[in-house]
C-alpha atoms as a PDB file:
ATOM      1  CA  UNK A   1     -43.369 -31.139 -27.155  1.00  0.00           C
ATOM      2  CA  UNK A   2     -39.336 -30.458 -28.064  1.00  0.00           C
ATOM      3  CA  UNK A   3     -40.827 -27.306 -29.697  1.00  0.00           C
ATOM      4  CA  UNK A   4     -43.180 -26.159 -26.490  1.00  0.00           C
ATOM      5  CA  UNK A   5     -39.696 -27.012 -24.531  1.00  0.00           C
ATOM      6  CA  UNK A   6     -37.892 -25.288 -26.540  1.00  0.00           C
ATOM      7  CA  UNK A   7     -39.844 -21.917 -27.291  1.00  0.00           C
ATOM      8  CA  UNK A   8     -40.281 -22.252 -23.113  1.00  0.00           C
ATOM      9  CA  UNK A   9     -36.221 -21.924 -22.502  1.00  0.00           C
ATOM     10  CA  UNK A  10     -36.136 -19.956 -24.991  1.00  0.00           C
ATOM     11  CA  UNK A  11     -38.648 -17.542 -23.539  1.00  0.00           C
ATOM     12  CA  UNK A  12     -37.438 -17.786 -20.290  1.00  0.00           C
ATOM     13  CA  UNK A  13     -33.882 -17.198 -21.217  1.00  0.00           C
ATOM     14  CA  UNK A  14     -34.718 -13.777 -22.906  1.00  0.00           C
ATOM     15  CA  UNK A  15     -36.625 -12.374 -19.646  1.00  0.00           C
ATOM     16  CA  UNK A  16     -34.075 -13.165 -17.569  1.00  0.00           C
ATOM     17  CA  UNK A  17     -31.198 -11.235 -19.840  1.00  0.00           C
ATOM     18  CA  UNK A  18     -33.916  -8.422 -19.771  1.00  0.00           C
ATOM     19  CA  UNK A  19     -33.883  -9.220 -16.037  1.00  0.00           C
ATOM     20  CA  UNK A  20     -30.607  -7.899 -15.568  1.00  0.00           C
ATOM     21  CA  UNK A  21     -29.167  -4.330 -15.113  1.00  0.00           C
ATOM     22  CA  UNK A  22     -25.926  -2.563 -15.827  1.00  0.00           C
ATOM     23  CA  UNK A  23     -25.029  -0.876 -12.693  1.00  0.00           C
ATOM     24  CA  UNK A  24     -24.438   3.191 -13.271  1.00  0.00           C
ATOM     25  CA  UNK A  25     -21.080   3.654 -11.120  1.00  0.00           C
ATOM     26  CA  UNK A  26     -20.232   7.140 -11.349  1.00  0.00           C
ATOM     27  CA  UNK A  27     -16.882   8.858 -10.354  1.00  0.00           C
ATOM     28  CA  UNK A  28     -16.181  12.853  -8.875  1.00  0.00           C
ATOM     29  CA  UNK A  29     -13.272  14.523  -7.431  1.00  0.00           C
ATOM     30  CA  UNK A  30     -10.030  13.129  -5.619  1.00  0.00           C
ATOM     31  CA  UNK A  31      -8.689  13.191  -2.525  1.00  0.00           C
ATOM     32  CA  UNK A  32      -5.065  13.403  -1.595  1.00  0.00           C
ATOM     33  CA  UNK A  33      -4.169  12.740   2.430  1.00  0.00           C
ATOM     34  CA  UNK A  34      -1.428  14.185   1.513  1.00  0.00           C
ATOM     35  CA  UNK A  35       0.062  17.224   1.000  1.00  0.00           C
ATOM     36  CA  UNK A  36       1.336  18.067  -2.550  1.00  0.00           C
ATOM     37  CA  UNK A  37       5.067  18.582  -1.132  1.00  0.00           C
ATOM     38  CA  UNK A  38       4.620  15.420   0.204  1.00  0.00           C
ATOM     39  CA  UNK A  39       4.080  13.586  -3.127  1.00  0.00           C
ATOM     40  CA  UNK A  40       6.780  15.960  -4.779  1.00  0.00           C
ATOM     41  CA  UNK A  41       8.572  14.228  -2.209  1.00  0.00           C
ATOM     42  CA  UNK A  42       7.525  10.813  -3.090  1.00  0.00           C
ATOM     43  CA  UNK A  43       8.422  11.572  -6.713  1.00  0.00           C
ATOM     44  CA  UNK A  44       5.187  10.967  -7.724  1.00  0.00           C
ATOM     45  CA  UNK A  45       5.061  11.392 -11.234  1.00  0.00           C
ATOM     46  CA  UNK A  46       1.056  13.134 -12.154  1.00  0.00           C
ATOM     47  CA  UNK A  47       0.271  11.352 -15.279  1.00  0.00           C
ATOM     48  CA  UNK A  48       1.496   8.324 -14.027  1.00  0.00           C
ATOM     49  CA  UNK A  49      -1.289   8.755 -11.627  1.00  0.00           C
ATOM     50  CA  UNK A  50      -3.893  10.768 -13.949  1.00  0.00           C
ATOM     51  CA  UNK A  51      -3.442   7.154 -16.257  1.00  0.00           C
ATOM     52  CA  UNK A  52      -4.107   5.269 -12.647  1.00  0.00           C
ATOM     53  CA  UNK A  53      -7.103   6.722 -11.132  1.00  0.00           C
ATOM     54  CA  UNK A  54      -8.969   6.599 -14.366  1.00  0.00           C
ATOM     55  CA  UNK A  55      -7.597   2.635 -15.450  1.00  0.00           C
ATOM     56  CA  UNK A  56      -9.102   2.477 -11.913  1.00  0.00           C
ATOM     57  CA  UNK A  57     -12.674   3.906 -12.701  1.00  0.00           C
ATOM     58  CA  UNK A  58     -12.097   1.433 -15.671  1.00  0.00           C
ATOM     59  CA  UNK A  59     -12.001  -1.538 -13.061  1.00  0.00           C
ATOM     60  CA  UNK A  60     -14.434  -0.195 -10.814  1.00  0.00           C
ATOM     61  CA  UNK A  61     -17.675   0.013 -13.403  1.00  0.00           C
ATOM     62  CA  UNK A  62     -16.708  -3.598 -15.197  1.00  0.00           C
ATOM     63  CA  UNK A  63     -16.602  -5.719 -11.907  1.00  0.00           C
ATOM     64  CA  UNK A  64     -19.768  -3.344 -11.499  1.00  0.00           C
ATOM     65  CA  UNK A  65     -21.065  -4.011 -14.507  1.00  0.00           C
ATOM     66  CA  UNK A  66     -24.495  -6.480 -14.405  1.00  0.00           C
ATOM     67  CA  UNK A  67     -24.557  -5.824  -9.970  1.00  0.00           C
ATOM     68  CA  UNK A  68     -27.633  -6.129  -8.339  1.00  0.00           C
ATOM     69  CA  UNK A  69     -26.751  -3.946  -5.791  1.00  0.00           C
ATOM     70  CA  UNK A  70     -28.767  -0.796  -3.662  1.00  0.00           C
ATOM     71  CA  UNK A  71     -27.609   2.626  -4.266  1.00  0.00           C
ATOM     72  CA  UNK A  72     -25.228   4.439  -2.144  1.00  0.00           C
ATOM     73  CA  UNK A  73     -22.410   6.582  -2.259  1.00  0.00           C
ATOM     74  CA  UNK A  74     -18.593   7.153  -0.727  1.00  0.00           C
ATOM     75  CA  UNK A  75     -14.977   6.750  -1.493  1.00  0.00           C
ATOM     76  CA  UNK A  76     -12.926   4.108  -3.458  1.00  0.00           C
ATOM     77  CA  UNK A  77      -9.423   4.919  -0.358  1.00  0.00           C
ATOM     78  CA  UNK A  78      -6.417   3.276  -2.255  1.00  0.00           C
ATOM     79  CA  UNK A  79      -2.750   3.096  -0.827  1.00  0.00           C
ATOM     80  CA  UNK A  80       0.362   2.623  -2.721  1.00  0.00           C
ATOM     81  CA  UNK A  81       3.875   1.506  -1.577  1.00  0.00           C
ATOM     82  CA  UNK A  82       6.879   1.728  -2.859  1.00  0.00           C
ATOM     83  CA  UNK A  83       7.488  -1.640  -3.552  1.00  0.00           C
ATOM     84  CA  UNK A  84       4.460  -1.512  -6.290  1.00  0.00           C
ATOM     85  CA  UNK A  85       2.074  -3.220  -3.471  1.00  0.00           C
ATOM     86  CA  UNK A  86      -1.284  -1.852  -3.229  1.00  0.00           C
ATOM     87  CA  UNK A  87      -4.600  -1.785  -0.448  1.00  0.00           C
ATOM     88  CA  UNK A  88      -8.223  -0.978  -1.280  1.00  0.00           C
ATOM     89  CA  UNK A  89     -10.784  -0.204   1.176  1.00  0.00           C
ATOM     90  CA  UNK A  90     -14.158   1.016   0.447  1.00  0.00           C
ATOM     91  CA  UNK A  91     -15.922   3.415   2.459  1.00  0.00           C
ATOM     92  CA  UNK A  92     -19.484   3.694   1.360  1.00  0.00           C
ATOM     93  CA  UNK A  93     -23.167   3.674   1.950  1.00  0.00           C
ATOM     94  CA  UNK A  94     -25.066   1.894   2.261  1.00  0.00           C
ATOM     95  CA  UNK A  95     -22.117  -0.702   2.468  1.00  0.00           C
ATOM     96  CA  UNK A  96     -21.752  -2.919  -0.654  1.00  0.00           C
ATOM     97  CA  UNK A  97     -22.057  -6.868   0.128  1.00  0.00           C
ATOM     98  CA  UNK A  98     -19.454  -7.794   0.471  1.00  0.00           C
ATOM     99  CA  UNK A  99     -18.957  -9.768  -3.130  1.00  0.00           C
ATOM    100  CA  UNK A 100     -18.840  -6.448  -4.537  1.00  0.00           C
ATOM    101  CA  UNK A 101     -16.527  -5.128  -2.280  1.00  0.00           C
ATOM    102  CA  UNK A 102     -14.171  -7.983  -3.188  1.00  0.00           C
ATOM    103  CA  UNK A 103     -14.535  -7.594  -7.123  1.00  0.00           C
ATOM    104  CA  UNK A 104     -13.544  -3.644  -6.492  1.00  0.00           C
ATOM    105  CA  UNK A 105     -10.800  -4.497  -4.225  1.00  0.00           C
ATOM    106  CA  UNK A 106      -9.210  -7.350  -6.020  1.00  0.00           C
ATOM    107  CA  UNK A 107      -9.990  -5.484  -9.594  1.00  0.00           C
ATOM    108  CA  UNK A 108      -7.352  -2.673  -8.092  1.00  0.00           C
ATOM    109  CA  UNK A 109      -5.245  -4.601  -6.554  1.00  0.00           C
ATOM    110  CA  UNK A 110      -4.840  -6.442 -10.072  1.00  0.00           C
ATOM    111  CA  UNK A 111      -3.407  -2.854 -11.589  1.00  0.00           C
ATOM    112  CA  UNK A 112       0.025  -2.050 -12.102  1.00  0.00           C
ATOM    113  CA  UNK A 113       0.037   0.956  -9.524  1.00  0.00           C
ATOM    114  CA  UNK A 114       2.078   4.504 -10.210  1.00  0.00           C
ATOM    115  CA  UNK A 115       5.588   4.548  -9.109  1.00  0.00           C
ATOM    116  CA  UNK A 116       6.521   6.080  -5.045  1.00  0.00           C
ATOM    117  CA  UNK A 117       9.520   6.559  -5.241  1.00  0.00           C
ATOM    118  CA  UNK A 118       9.407   6.520  -0.575  1.00  0.00           C
ATOM    119  CA  UNK A 119       6.731   6.200   1.319  1.00  0.00           C
ATOM    120  CA  UNK A 120       2.984   5.936   0.684  1.00  0.00           C
ATOM    121  CA  UNK A 121       0.550   7.356  -1.094  1.00  0.00           C
ATOM    122  CA  UNK A 122      -3.289   7.415   0.497  1.00  0.00           C
ATOM    123  CA  UNK A 123      -5.899   8.611  -2.225  1.00  0.00           C
ATOM    124  CA  UNK A 124      -9.540   8.296  -2.448  1.00  0.00           C
ATOM    125  CA  UNK A 125     -12.294   9.204  -5.374  1.00  0.00           C
ATOM    126  CA  UNK A 126     -15.312  10.073  -5.210  1.00  0.00           C
ATOM    127  CA  UNK A 127     -17.813   7.009  -5.760  1.00  0.00           C
ATOM    128  CA  UNK A 128     -21.978   6.764  -6.972  1.00  0.00           C
ATOM    129  CA  UNK A 129     -23.894   3.687  -7.282  1.00  0.00           C
ATOM    130  CA  UNK A 130     -26.968   3.816  -8.968  1.00  0.00           C
ATOM    131  CA  UNK A 131     -27.345   7.317  -8.173  1.00  0.00           C
ATOM    132  CA  UNK A 132     -26.535  10.613  -9.224  1.00  0.00           C
ATOM    133  CA  UNK A 133     -25.639  12.252  -5.652  1.00  0.00           C
ATOM    134  CA  UNK A 134     -22.102  12.117  -4.736  1.00  0.00           C
ATOM    135  CA  UNK A 135     -21.916  11.675  -0.708  1.00  0.00           C
ATOM    136  CA  UNK A 136     -21.442  15.247   1.697  1.00  0.00           C
ATOM    137  CA  UNK A 137     -18.828  13.585   3.698  1.00  0.00           C
ATOM    138  CA  UNK A 138     -15.991  15.821   3.552  1.00  0.00           C
ATOM    139  CA  UNK A 139     -13.466  13.190   4.193  1.00  0.00           C
ATOM    140  CA  UNK A 140     -12.871   9.393   3.720  1.00  0.00           C
ATOM    141  CA  UNK A 141     -12.980   7.140   6.424  1.00  0.00           C
ATOM    142  CA  UNK A 142     -12.831   2.840   5.741  1.00  0.00           C
ATOM    143  CA  UNK A 143     -14.063   1.232   8.997  1.00  0.00           C
ATOM    144  CA  UNK A 144     -10.935  -0.237   9.236  1.00  0.00           C
ATOM    145  CA  UNK A 145      -9.273   3.029   9.910  1.00  0.00           C
ATOM    146  CA  UNK A 146     -11.575   3.655  12.580  1.00  0.00           C
ATOM    147  CA  UNK A 147     -10.247   1.035  15.049  1.00  0.00           C
ATOM    148  CA  UNK A 148      -6.236   2.111  13.839  1.00  0.00           C
ATOM    149  CA  UNK A 149      -7.236   5.547  14.586  1.00  0.00           C
ATOM    150  CA  UNK A 150      -7.462   4.725  18.246  1.00  0.00           C
ATOM    151  CA  UNK A 151      -4.046   2.372  18.498  1.00  0.00           C
ATOM    152  CA  UNK A 152      -1.989   4.793  16.675  1.00  0.00           C
ATOM    153  CA  UNK A 153       0.043   7.641  18.085  1.00  0.00           C
ATOM    154  CA  UNK A 154      -0.905  10.500  16.400  1.00  0.00           C
ATOM    155  CA  UNK A 155      -4.495   9.675  14.580  1.00  0.00           C
ATOM    156  CA  UNK A 156      -3.834  12.505  11.671  1.00  0.00           C
ATOM    157  CA  UNK A 157      -1.010  10.786  10.211  1.00  0.00           C
ATOM    158  CA  UNK A 158      -1.966   8.488   7.455  1.00  0.00           C
ATOM    159  CA  UNK A 159       0.948   6.677   6.875  1.00  0.00           C
ATOM    160  CA  UNK A 160       1.184   5.675  10.473  1.00  0.00           C
ATOM    161  CA  UNK A 161      -2.989   4.275   9.731  1.00  0.00           C
ATOM    162  CA  UNK A 162      -2.084   2.813   7.002  1.00  0.00           C
ATOM    163  CA  UNK A 163       0.367   0.891   8.275  1.00  0.00           C
ATOM    164  CA  UNK A 164      -1.241  -0.197  11.327  1.00  0.00           C
ATOM    165  CA  UNK A 165      -3.660  -2.149   9.274  1.00  0.00           C
ATOM    166  CA  UNK A 166      -1.286  -3.020   6.551  1.00  0.00           C
ATOM    167  CA  UNK A 167       2.114  -3.746   7.945  1.00  0.00           C
ATOM    168  CA  UNK A 168       5.045  -4.061   5.336  1.00  0.00           C
ATOM    169  CA  UNK A 169       6.168  -7.354   5.748  1.00  0.00           C
END
């Protein structure tokens, strides 16, 4: 009887392990909300920024491993302040389950950001989950930003939008 029970448990574990699949996360182009001149004013080190975006992609892919989600695409949007604080928003269709949204946001927030001399740098990276197709949406617009754009003086000023949602303390 013990032998039969042990075999049953082993078979059950084997079947459960076979049900897990690795989620495929693909990244594409980076979208900058500010001009190259604005980035230069903030004294952004392009090598640091490049390393940060590569590490970010790895962290997001790791956060999604063994996940169970529906295919979708969109953007991961990141803001980095001069005080080394980071904010993250997802603009995905369909929206990710809140668990995966939280895991991605927290994984990125734990990373050491690149240096920003003053103000805020905001960028986004196209992301596709379990699909080879990236979004055709030209400009990222997370849900939180839609309401914030209505409240700020200039809805095209990304720093005003971000600060209205994520005020400096």
